[in-house]
Amino acid sequence: MIKKDYKAIVVGCSLGGKEAITTIVKNLKHNSIPIIIVQHLASDSDCYLATHLKPYTDSAIYEIINNLPIQQNGIYIAPANYHVLFGENKIFYLSVDEKHNFSRPSIDISFESASEVYMNDLVGIVLTGANSDGSVGLDFIKKNGGLTIVQDPAAAKSTFMPNAAIKMVKPDYILSLSEISFFLEHLNKNEYTPKQLKLK
């Protein structure tokens, strides 16, 4: 069930994620809810995604650091080689705990941490990727009353991650990238009904 007061959006992706995120962000004309992006990265990656996205949005873009406050309309990028955790006071924390699903940052870990803080005020989105990271975290979000979205596998560069999430979670919506942009832009407004989005 769609509410009108979601407080945060968490997005997980891996292989093909840069292109998918770029499509969503450049088609998102207005953003009033913080968007936190967790993409699998090599341990020595720099903050290329934050730099890459800046020309496509008016929102402030941050690479997450310890104790960074979560602002209303920011877009936040998980750094390489750290898990991203959420504090009760809406502040980010970074962890170097063991890799999960061969990944650090782990989508599952961030999704579960965000869900513990935001509960049913959270939107979780799983995009393209080549392993199952994100499925358990998305299921955790759904069980806590959050809204769950998965990229349509038919249009994903790598179908493994969205298919795994669909199989485990039965998400609220399975959408194309352009539909995800539309959804996020109109979230917390009364400008559409759920029937205007494809539920597959």
C-alpha atoms as a PDB file:
ATOM      1  CA  MET A   1       0.000   0.000   0.000  1.00  0.00           C
ATOM      2  CA  ILE A   2       1.391   3.403  -0.999  1.00  0.00           C
ATOM      3  CA  LYS A   3       1.590   6.025   1.758  1.00  0.00           C
ATOM      4  CA  LYS A   4       2.221   9.733   1.307  1.00  0.00           C
ATOM      5  CA  ASP A   5       5.098  10.337   3.684  1.00  0.00           C
ATOM      6  CA  TYR A   6       8.092   8.196   2.755  1.00  0.00           C
ATOM      7  CA  LYS A   7      11.296   9.491   4.324  1.00  0.00           C
ATOM      8  CA  ALA A   8      14.098   7.714   2.412  1.00  0.00           C
ATOM      9  CA  ILE A   9      14.827   5.664  -0.710  1.00  0.00           C
ATOM     10  CA  VAL A  10      17.552   3.012  -0.839  1.00  0.00           C
ATOM     11  CA  VAL A  11      18.756   1.669  -4.180  1.00  0.00           C
ATOM     12  CA  GLY A  12      20.938  -1.384  -4.747  1.00  0.00           C
ATOM     13  CA  CYS A  13      22.709  -2.351  -7.961  1.00  0.00           C
ATOM     14  CA  SER A  14      25.772  -4.085  -9.357  1.00  0.00           C
ATOM     15  CA  LEU A  15      26.690  -4.947 -12.956  1.00  0.00           C
ATOM     16  CA  GLY A  16      25.138  -2.280 -15.210  1.00  0.00           C
ATOM     17  CA  GLY A  17      24.327  -0.116 -12.213  1.00  0.00           C
ATOM     18  CA  LYS A  18      26.070   3.035 -13.428  1.00  0.00           C
ATOM     19  CA  GLU A  19      23.940   3.178 -16.559  1.00  0.00           C
ATOM     20  CA  ALA A  20      20.733   2.311 -14.691  1.00  0.00           C
ATOM     21  CA  ILE A  21      21.299   4.927 -11.993  1.00  0.00           C
ATOM     22  CA  THR A  22      22.160   7.545 -14.604  1.00  0.00           C
ATOM     23  CA  THR A  23      18.897   6.896 -16.440  1.00  0.00           C
ATOM     24  CA  ILE A  24      16.862   7.211 -13.247  1.00  0.00           C
ATOM     25  CA  VAL A  25      18.606  10.362 -12.010  1.00  0.00           C
ATOM     26  CA  LYS A  26      18.566  12.289 -15.283  1.00  0.00           C
ATOM     27  CA  ASN A  27      14.826  11.596 -15.703  1.00  0.00           C
ATOM     28  CA  LEU A  28      14.076  12.571 -12.107  1.00  0.00           C
ATOM     29  CA  LYS A  29      13.253  16.247 -12.454  1.00  0.00           C
ATOM     30  CA  HIS A  30      12.465  16.835  -8.800  1.00  0.00           C
ATOM     31  CA  ASN A  31      13.639  14.996  -5.730  1.00  0.00           C
ATOM     32  CA  SER A  32      12.479  15.784  -2.205  1.00  0.00           C
ATOM     33  CA  ILE A  33      13.408  12.498  -0.519  1.00  0.00           C
ATOM     34  CA  PRO A  34      16.989  11.363   0.201  1.00  0.00           C
ATOM     35  CA  ILE A  35      18.176   8.670  -2.198  1.00  0.00           C
ATOM     36  CA  ILE A  36      20.939   6.355  -0.997  1.00  0.00           C
ATOM     37  CA  ILE A  37      22.693   4.330  -3.705  1.00  0.00           C
ATOM     38  CA  VAL A  38      24.645   1.179  -2.864  1.00  0.00           C
ATOM     39  CA  GLN A  39      26.528  -0.164  -5.869  1.00  0.00           C
ATOM     40  CA  HIS A  40      29.055  -2.974  -5.804  1.00  0.00           C
ATOM     41  CA  LEU A  41      32.506  -1.479  -6.355  1.00  0.00           C
ATOM     42  CA  ALA A  42      36.068  -2.675  -6.541  1.00  0.00           C
ATOM     43  CA  SER A  43      37.900  -1.948  -3.287  1.00  0.00           C
ATOM     44  CA  ASP A  44      40.140   0.647  -4.950  1.00  0.00           C
ATOM     45  CA  SER A  45      37.387   2.522  -6.811  1.00  0.00           C
ATOM     46  CA  ASP A  46      37.225   6.290  -6.460  1.00  0.00           C
ATOM     47  CA  CYS A  47      33.979   8.265  -6.178  1.00  0.00           C
ATOM     48  CA  TYR A  48      33.371   8.139  -9.942  1.00  0.00           C
ATOM     49  CA  LEU A  49      29.597   7.660  -9.602  1.00  0.00           C
ATOM     50  CA  ALA A  50      29.109  10.831  -7.557  1.00  0.00           C
ATOM     51  CA  THR A  51      31.199  12.798 -10.060  1.00  0.00           C
ATOM     52  CA  HIS A  52      29.447  11.186 -13.016  1.00  0.00           C
ATOM     53  CA  LEU A  53      25.926  11.999 -11.776  1.00  0.00           C
ATOM     54  CA  LYS A  54      26.444  15.686 -10.991  1.00  0.00           C
ATOM     55  CA  PRO A  55      25.661  17.005 -14.499  1.00  0.00           C
ATOM     56  CA  TYR A  56      22.323  15.158 -14.500  1.00  0.00           C
ATOM     57  CA  THR A  57      20.678  16.572 -11.377  1.00  0.00           C
ATOM     58  CA  ASP A  58      20.199  19.718  -9.335  1.00  0.00           C
ATOM     59  CA  SER A  59      20.226  17.675  -6.128  1.00  0.00           C
ATOM     60  CA  ALA A  60      23.337  17.734  -3.956  1.00  0.00           C
ATOM     61  CA  ILE A  61      25.378  14.539  -4.391  1.00  0.00           C
ATOM     62  CA  TYR A  62      27.557  13.163  -1.629  1.00  0.00           C
ATOM     63  CA  GLU A  63      29.923  10.254  -1.249  1.00  0.00           C
ATOM     64  CA  ILE A  64      29.028   8.931   2.192  1.00  0.00           C
ATOM     65  CA  ILE A  65      31.466   9.472   5.067  1.00  0.00           C
ATOM     66  CA  ASN A  66      31.178   8.721   8.773  1.00  0.00           C
ATOM     67  CA  ASN A  67      28.703  10.918  10.671  1.00  0.00           C
ATOM     68  CA  LEU A  68      27.330  12.536   7.499  1.00  0.00           C
ATOM     69  CA  PRO A  69      23.782  13.837   8.161  1.00  0.00           C
ATOM     70  CA  ILE A  70      21.038  12.689   5.802  1.00  0.00           C
ATOM     71  CA  GLN A  71      19.492  15.749   4.141  1.00  0.00           C
ATOM     72  CA  GLN A  72      16.036  15.812   2.636  1.00  0.00           C
ATOM     73  CA  ASN A  73      16.872  16.133  -1.051  1.00  0.00           C
ATOM     74  CA  GLY A  74      20.393  14.697  -1.205  1.00  0.00           C
ATOM     75  CA  ILE A  75      21.642  11.813  -3.313  1.00  0.00           C
ATOM     76  CA  TYR A  76      24.147   9.690  -1.392  1.00  0.00           C
ATOM     77  CA  ILE A  77      26.656   7.229  -2.841  1.00  0.00           C
ATOM     78  CA  ALA A  78      28.139   4.347  -0.844  1.00  0.00           C
ATOM     79  CA  PRO A  79      31.976   4.471  -0.924  1.00  0.00           C
ATOM     80  CA  ALA A  80      34.116   1.563  -2.026  1.00  0.00           C
ATOM     81  CA  ASN A  81      35.160  -1.013   0.585  1.00  0.00           C
ATOM     82  CA  TYR A  82      32.733   0.106   3.331  1.00  0.00           C
ATOM     83  CA  HIS A  83      29.304  -1.069   4.426  1.00  0.00           C
ATOM     84  CA  VAL A  84      26.861   1.807   4.880  1.00  0.00           C
ATOM     85  CA  LEU A  85      24.801   1.824   8.091  1.00  0.00           C
ATOM     86  CA  PHE A  86      22.070   4.164   9.294  1.00  0.00           C
ATOM     87  CA  GLY A  87      21.908   5.740  12.761  1.00  0.00           C
ATOM     88  CA  GLU A  88      18.696   6.498  14.632  1.00  0.00           C
ATOM     89  CA  ASN A  89      19.603  10.185  14.430  1.00  0.00           C
ATOM     90  CA  LYS A  90      19.568  10.050  10.604  1.00  0.00           C
ATOM     91  CA  ILE A  91      23.357   9.983  10.304  1.00  0.00           C
ATOM     92  CA  PHE A  92      25.459   7.581   8.230  1.00  0.00           C
ATOM     93  CA  TYR A  93      28.052   5.255   9.712  1.00  0.00           C
ATOM     94  CA  LEU A  94      30.623   3.214   7.811  1.00  0.00           C
ATOM     95  CA  SER A  95      31.759  -0.305   8.662  1.00  0.00           C
ATOM     96  CA  VAL A  96      34.624  -2.495   7.522  1.00  0.00           C
ATOM     97  CA  ASP A  97      33.010  -5.728   8.723  1.00  0.00           C
ATOM     98  CA  GLU A  98      33.452  -8.844   6.593  1.00  0.00           C
ATOM     99  CA  LYS A  99      32.140  -8.864   3.032  1.00  0.00           C
ATOM    100  CA  HIS A 100      28.599 -10.107   2.505  1.00  0.00           C
ATOM    101  CA  ASN A 101      27.769 -11.904  -0.748  1.00  0.00           C
ATOM    102  CA  PHE A 102      31.377 -11.210  -1.723  1.00  0.00           C
ATOM    103  CA  SER A 103      30.637  -7.485  -1.499  1.00  0.00           C
ATOM    104  CA  ARG A 104      31.547  -4.464   0.583  1.00  0.00           C
ATOM    105  CA  PRO A 105      29.479  -2.313   0.344  1.00  0.00           C
ATOM    106  CA  SER A 106      26.683  -4.851   0.725  1.00  0.00           C
ATOM    107  CA  ILE A 107      23.169  -3.979  -0.410  1.00  0.00           C
ATOM    108  CA  ASP A 108      21.579  -6.379   2.099  1.00  0.00           C
ATOM    109  CA  ILE A 109      23.409  -4.808   5.045  1.00  0.00           C
ATOM    110  CA  SER A 110      22.467  -1.256   4.056  1.00  0.00           C
ATOM    111  CA  PHE A 111      18.854  -2.165   3.289  1.00  0.00           C
ATOM    112  CA  GLU A 112      18.405  -3.908   6.640  1.00  0.00           C
ATOM    113  CA  SER A 113      20.039  -1.056   8.554  1.00  0.00           C
ATOM    114  CA  ALA A 114      17.912   1.548   6.754  1.00  0.00           C
ATOM    115  CA  SER A 115      14.769  -0.475   7.417  1.00  0.00           C
ATOM    116  CA  GLU A 116      15.497  -0.641  11.133  1.00  0.00           C
ATOM    117  CA  VAL A 117      15.608   3.171  11.216  1.00  0.00           C
ATOM    118  CA  TYR A 118      12.876   4.127   8.734  1.00  0.00           C
ATOM    119  CA  MET A 119      10.538   1.110   9.069  1.00  0.00           C
ATOM    120  CA  ASN A 120       7.444   1.672   6.881  1.00  0.00           C
ATOM    121  CA  ASP A 121       8.713   5.097   5.767  1.00  0.00           C
ATOM    122  CA  LEU A 122      11.296   3.451   3.477  1.00  0.00           C
ATOM    123  CA  VAL A 123      11.311   2.631  -0.234  1.00  0.00           C
ATOM    124  CA  GLY A 124      13.702  -0.111  -1.374  1.00  0.00           C
ATOM    125  CA  ILE A 125      14.723  -0.573  -5.013  1.00  0.00           C
ATOM    126  CA  VAL A 126      16.781  -3.394  -6.563  1.00  0.00           C
ATOM    127  CA  LEU A 127      18.235  -2.822 -10.024  1.00  0.00           C
ATOM    128  CA  THR A 128      20.485  -4.756 -12.396  1.00  0.00           C
ATOM    129  CA  GLY A 129      23.217  -6.949 -10.948  1.00  0.00           C
ATOM    130  CA  ALA A 130      25.016 -10.261 -11.200  1.00  0.00           C
ATOM    131  CA  ASN A 131      24.433 -11.796  -7.762  1.00  0.00           C
ATOM    132  CA  SER A 132      21.647 -12.095  -5.193  1.00  0.00           C
ATOM    133  CA  ASP A 133      22.769  -9.305  -2.861  1.00  0.00           C
ATOM    134  CA  GLY A 134      19.768  -7.104  -2.093  1.00  0.00           C
ATOM    135  CA  SER A 135      17.122  -9.842  -2.030  1.00  0.00           C
ATOM    136  CA  VAL A 136      17.303 -10.489   1.728  1.00  0.00           C
ATOM    137  CA  GLY A 137      17.484  -6.766   2.444  1.00  0.00           C
ATOM    138  CA  LEU A 138      14.495  -6.005   0.228  1.00  0.00           C
ATOM    139  CA  ASP A 139      12.539  -8.765   1.943  1.00  0.00           C
ATOM    140  CA  PHE A 140      13.440  -7.165   5.299  1.00  0.00           C
ATOM    141  CA  ILE A 141      12.110  -3.814   4.046  1.00  0.00           C
ATOM    142  CA  LYS A 142       8.848  -5.396   2.912  1.00  0.00           C
ATOM    143  CA  LYS A 143       8.339  -7.209   6.213  1.00  0.00           C
ATOM    144  CA  ASN A 144       8.854  -3.891   8.048  1.00  0.00           C
ATOM    145  CA  GLY A 145       6.084  -2.306   5.992  1.00  0.00           C
ATOM    146  CA  GLY A 146       8.261  -0.473   3.458  1.00  0.00           C
ATOM    147  CA  LEU A 147       7.565  -0.195  -0.257  1.00  0.00           C
ATOM    148  CA  THR A 148       9.523  -2.513  -2.579  1.00  0.00           C
ATOM    149  CA  ILE A 149      10.394  -2.020  -6.245  1.00  0.00           C
ATOM    150  CA  VAL A 150      12.483  -4.133  -8.631  1.00  0.00           C
ATOM    151  CA  GLN A 151      13.715  -3.199 -12.083  1.00  0.00           C
ATOM    152  CA  ASP A 152      11.998  -5.157 -14.833  1.00  0.00           C
ATOM    153  CA  PRO A 153      14.515  -7.938 -15.622  1.00  0.00           C
ATOM    154  CA  ALA A 154      13.616  -7.773 -19.304  1.00  0.00           C
ATOM    155  CA  ALA A 155      15.397  -4.415 -19.540  1.00  0.00           C
ATOM    156  CA  ALA A 156      18.226  -5.056 -17.059  1.00  0.00           C
ATOM    157  CA  LYS A 157      21.822  -5.437 -18.220  1.00  0.00           C
ATOM    158  CA  SER A 158      22.157  -8.318 -15.757  1.00  0.00           C
ATOM    159  CA  THR A 159      18.950 -10.143 -14.854  1.00  0.00           C
ATOM    160  CA  PHE A 160      20.289 -12.188 -11.922  1.00  0.00           C
ATOM    161  CA  MET A 161      19.817  -9.613  -9.158  1.00  0.00           C
ATOM    162  CA  PRO A 162      16.296  -8.461 -10.119  1.00  0.00           C
ATOM    163  CA  ASN A 163      15.142 -12.038 -10.736  1.00  0.00           C
ATOM    164  CA  ALA A 164      16.485 -13.145  -7.338  1.00  0.00           C
ATOM    165  CA  ALA A 165      14.693 -10.256  -5.625  1.00  0.00           C
ATOM    166  CA  ILE A 166      11.412 -10.972  -7.417  1.00  0.00           C
ATOM    167  CA  LYS A 167      11.590 -14.647  -6.470  1.00  0.00           C
ATOM    168  CA  MET A 168      12.244 -13.960  -2.788  1.00  0.00           C
ATOM    169  CA  VAL A 169      10.217 -10.831  -2.127  1.00  0.00           C
ATOM    170  CA  LYS A 170       7.262 -10.596  -4.531  1.00  0.00           C
ATOM    171  CA  PRO A 171       7.830  -6.820  -4.719  1.00  0.00           C
ATOM    172  CA  ASP A 172       5.085  -4.233  -4.817  1.00  0.00           C
ATOM    173  CA  TYR A 173       6.168  -3.045  -8.252  1.00  0.00           C
ATOM    174  CA  ILE A 174       8.298  -4.305 -11.137  1.00  0.00           C
ATOM    175  CA  LEU A 175       9.096  -1.270 -13.278  1.00  0.00           C
ATOM    176  CA  SER A 176      11.267  -0.025 -16.108  1.00  0.00           C
ATOM    177  CA  LEU A 177      13.885   2.613 -15.300  1.00  0.00           C
ATOM    178  CA  SER A 178      11.729   5.418 -16.716  1.00  0.00           C
ATOM    179  CA  GLU A 179       8.786   4.226 -14.637  1.00  0.00           C
ATOM    180  CA  ILE A 180      10.970   4.213 -11.531  1.00  0.00           C
ATOM    181  CA  SER A 181      11.908   7.851 -12.221  1.00  0.00           C
ATOM    182  CA  PHE A 182       8.235   8.745 -12.632  1.00  0.00           C
ATOM    183  CA  PHE A 183       7.348   6.893  -9.454  1.00  0.00           C
ATOM    184  CA  LEU A 184      10.019   8.617  -7.365  1.00  0.00           C
ATOM    185  CA  GLU A 185       9.246  12.065  -8.747  1.00  0.00           C
ATOM    186  CA  HIS A 186       5.603  11.758  -7.752  1.00  0.00           C
ATOM    187  CA  LEU A 187       6.095   9.934  -4.479  1.00  0.00           C
ATOM    188  CA  ASN A 188       4.416  11.619  -1.476  1.00  0.00           C
ATOM    189  CA  LYS A 189       2.143  13.547  -3.839  1.00  0.00           C
ATOM    190  CA  ASN A 190      -1.435  13.036  -4.963  1.00  0.00           C
ATOM    191  CA  GLU A 191      -0.661  13.264  -8.671  1.00  0.00           C
ATOM    192  CA  TYR A 192      -1.078   9.608  -9.587  1.00  0.00           C
ATOM    193  CA  THR A 193      -2.723   6.406  -8.506  1.00  0.00           C
ATOM    194  CA  PRO A 194      -0.972   3.031  -8.279  1.00  0.00           C
ATOM    195  CA  LYS A 195      -2.938   1.822 -11.299  1.00  0.00           C
ATOM    196  CA  GLN A 196      -0.935   4.197 -13.478  1.00  0.00           C
ATOM    197  CA  LEU A 197       2.147   2.084 -12.786  1.00  0.00           C
ATOM    198  CA  LYS A 198       2.539  -1.466 -14.039  1.00  0.00           C
ATOM    199  CA  LEU A 199       2.279  -4.088 -11.344  1.00  0.00           C
ATOM    200  CA  LYS A 200       3.518  -7.328 -12.903  1.00  0.00           C
END
